[in-house]
Protein backbone atom coordinates (compact mmCIF):
# COMPACT_ATOMS: atom_id res chain seq x y z
CA MET A 1 4.64 28.81 -9.23
CA GLU A 2 3.52 24.69 -9.79
CA THR A 3 5.13 22.11 -7.94
CA ASP A 4 4.63 18.73 -9.01
CA CYS A 5 7.90 17.20 -7.85
CA ASN A 6 8.04 15.68 -4.07
CA PRO A 7 11.17 16.06 -2.73
CA MET A 8 11.06 13.15 -0.61
CA GLU A 9 10.95 10.80 -3.72
CA LEU A 10 14.07 11.92 -4.97
CA SER A 11 16.12 9.23 -2.85
CA SER A 12 13.26 6.15 -3.39
CA MET A 13 13.06 6.47 -7.46
CA ALA A 14 14.86 3.52 -7.90
CA GLY A 15 12.27 1.34 -6.05
CA PHE A 16 9.02 2.81 -8.14
CA GLU A 17 8.39 -0.14 -10.17
CA GLU A 18 8.15 -2.51 -7.15
CA ASP A 19 6.11 0.05 -5.34
CA VAL A 20 3.36 0.29 -8.68
CA GLU A 21 3.08 -3.74 -8.17
CA LEU A 22 2.68 -3.57 -4.40
CA ASN A 23 -0.20 -1.15 -4.64
CA GLY A 24 -2.34 -3.69 -6.91
CA PHE A 25 -3.04 -0.89 -9.48
CA GLU A 26 -1.22 -2.71 -11.84
CA GLY A 27 -3.53 -2.87 -14.82
CA THR A 28 -6.74 -1.46 -13.30
CA ASP A 29 -8.35 1.88 -13.54
CA MET A 30 -10.21 0.91 -10.35
CA LYS A 31 -8.76 2.85 -7.35
CA ASP A 32 -9.39 2.52 -3.24
CA MET A 33 -9.85 6.37 -2.71
CA LYS A 34 -9.05 6.06 0.81
CA LEU A 35 -5.59 4.38 0.29
CA GLU A 36 -4.98 6.98 -2.15
CA ALA A 37 -5.71 9.57 0.39
CA GLU A 38 -3.57 8.21 2.56
CA VAL A 39 -0.52 8.02 0.47
CA VAL A 40 -1.44 11.78 -0.19
CA VAL A 41 -1.27 12.53 3.39
CA ASN A 42 2.27 11.09 3.84
CA ASP A 43 3.45 12.56 1.00
CA VAL A 44 3.19 16.32 2.22
CA LEU A 45 3.18 15.66 6.06
CA PHE A 46 6.95 17.74 6.24
CA ALA A 47 5.19 20.87 4.79
CA VAL A 48 1.95 21.11 6.57
CA ASN A 49 0.93 21.52 10.33
CA LYS A 50 -1.70 18.84 10.63
CA MET A 51 -3.27 16.12 7.78
CA PHE A 52 -5.46 13.04 7.98
CA VAL A 53 -7.89 11.50 6.33
CA SER A 54 -11.32 11.99 7.72
CA LYS A 55 -12.99 9.77 9.64
CA ASN A 56 -16.14 11.35 9.85
CA LEU A 57 -16.89 11.87 6.19
CA ARG A 58 -17.69 8.43 4.15
CA CYS A 59 -14.90 7.15 2.37
CA ALA A 60 -15.94 5.18 -1.02
CA ASP A 61 -14.04 3.28 -3.60
CA ASP A 62 -14.43 6.90 -5.99
CA VAL A 63 -13.82 9.05 -3.11
CA ALA A 64 -12.39 10.32 0.12
CA TYR A 65 -12.06 13.20 2.37
CA ILE A 66 -8.65 14.78 3.91
CA ASN A 67 -8.20 17.59 6.56
CA VAL A 68 -5.01 19.89 6.42
CA GLU A 69 -4.34 22.72 7.99
CA THR A 70 -1.40 24.69 6.43
CA ARG A 71 1.37 26.49 8.09
CA GLY A 72 -0.25 29.52 7.74
CA TRP A 73 -2.94 28.17 10.21
CA ASN A 74 -5.75 27.61 7.84
CA ARG A 75 -7.92 24.64 7.79
CA TYR A 76 -9.21 22.90 4.79
CA CYS A 77 -11.32 19.75 3.90
CA LEU A 78 -10.51 18.24 0.26
CA GLU A 79 -12.33 15.91 -1.35
CA LEU A 80 -9.98 13.45 -3.15
CA THR A 81 -11.48 11.39 -6.75
CA GLN A 82 -10.43 10.32 -10.21
CA ALA A 83 -10.52 14.12 -11.03
CA GLY A 84 -8.22 15.06 -8.58
CA LEU A 85 -8.53 17.42 -5.41
CA ARG A 86 -10.61 19.98 -4.55
CA VAL A 87 -11.38 22.04 -1.53
CA VAL A 88 -14.75 21.27 -0.50
CA GLY A 89 -14.51 23.41 3.06
CA TYR A 90 -12.89 25.65 5.14
CA THR A 91 -12.67 23.59 8.25
CA PHE A 92 -12.22 19.95 8.83
CA ASP A 93 -14.87 17.40 7.96
CA GLN A 94 -16.94 20.42 6.12
CA VAL A 95 -18.48 20.06 2.88
CA ASP A 96 -20.11 22.89 0.99
CA ASP A 97 -22.01 21.98 -1.93
CA HIS A 98 -22.27 25.08 -3.01
CA LEU A 99 -18.27 25.82 -2.78
CA GLN A 100 -16.96 25.68 -6.76
CA THR A 101 -13.67 24.72 -6.65
CA PRO A 102 -11.12 23.81 -9.14
CA TYR A 103 -9.60 20.61 -8.95
CA HIS A 104 -5.66 19.90 -8.85
CA GLU A 105 -4.21 17.03 -10.62
CA THR A 106 -1.42 16.41 -7.29
CA VAL A 107 -1.53 17.71 -3.90
CA TYR A 108 1.48 19.59 -4.52
CA SER A 109 -0.57 22.26 -6.96
CA LEU A 110 -2.90 22.37 -4.06
CA LEU A 111 -0.97 23.29 -1.79
CA ASP A 112 1.04 25.20 -3.82
CA THR A 113 -2.32 27.33 -4.14
CA VAL A 114 -3.98 27.48 -0.96
CA SER A 115 -0.13 27.93 1.13
CA PRO A 116 2.78 29.84 0.72
CA ALA A 117 4.32 28.05 3.48
CA TYR A 118 4.40 25.15 1.34
CA GLN A 119 6.35 27.06 -1.35
CA ASP A 120 9.22 27.55 1.67
CA ALA A 121 8.95 24.44 2.93
CA PHE A 122 9.05 22.36 -0.34
CA GLY A 123 12.56 24.45 -0.94
CA ILE A 124 13.88 23.79 2.59
CA THR A 125 13.37 20.17 2.06
CA LEU A 126 14.44 19.77 -1.60
CA LEU A 127 17.87 21.98 -0.50
CA GLN A 128 17.65 19.28 2.95
CA ARG A 129 17.74 15.93 0.40
CA LEU A 130 20.42 17.22 -2.45
CA GLU A 131 22.83 18.36 0.53
CA ALA A 132 21.90 14.92 1.83
CA LEU A 133 22.84 13.01 -2.08
CA LYS A 134 25.90 15.58 -2.04
CA ARG A 135 27.49 14.16 1.32
CA ASP A 136 26.36 10.44 0.35
CA GLY A 137 28.09 11.65 -2.86
CA GLN A 138 31.53 12.03 -1.35
CA SER A 139 32.00 9.41 1.12
């Protein structure tokens, strides 16, 4: 099951246009990957034990590295590029040049592949958000 929706976005879609302008990416293909990595981390912290941009591996305009520990206690080092996200190591701050893993367009599809507990956390969070929206609508 691939999940490309972030339940945290359900209540914030109205301000999407404003956020795009604030990110400074309007009208340009150039992205600061470290900034993109921070956004990725903040999007899925609800569904993992730990996740942070690596301080030991060098980030550049075209690449950033993210360390993640899933709820299943598995650790990964992820590479973020224009091509997407992929696993490059099986511990924090490790890049195995011989590892050939597929790129994922979103962090959600990557976590869906490597972490069965992510699916559970995603579902629970989505249900909580929907219940909150329902309560707000009845007020």
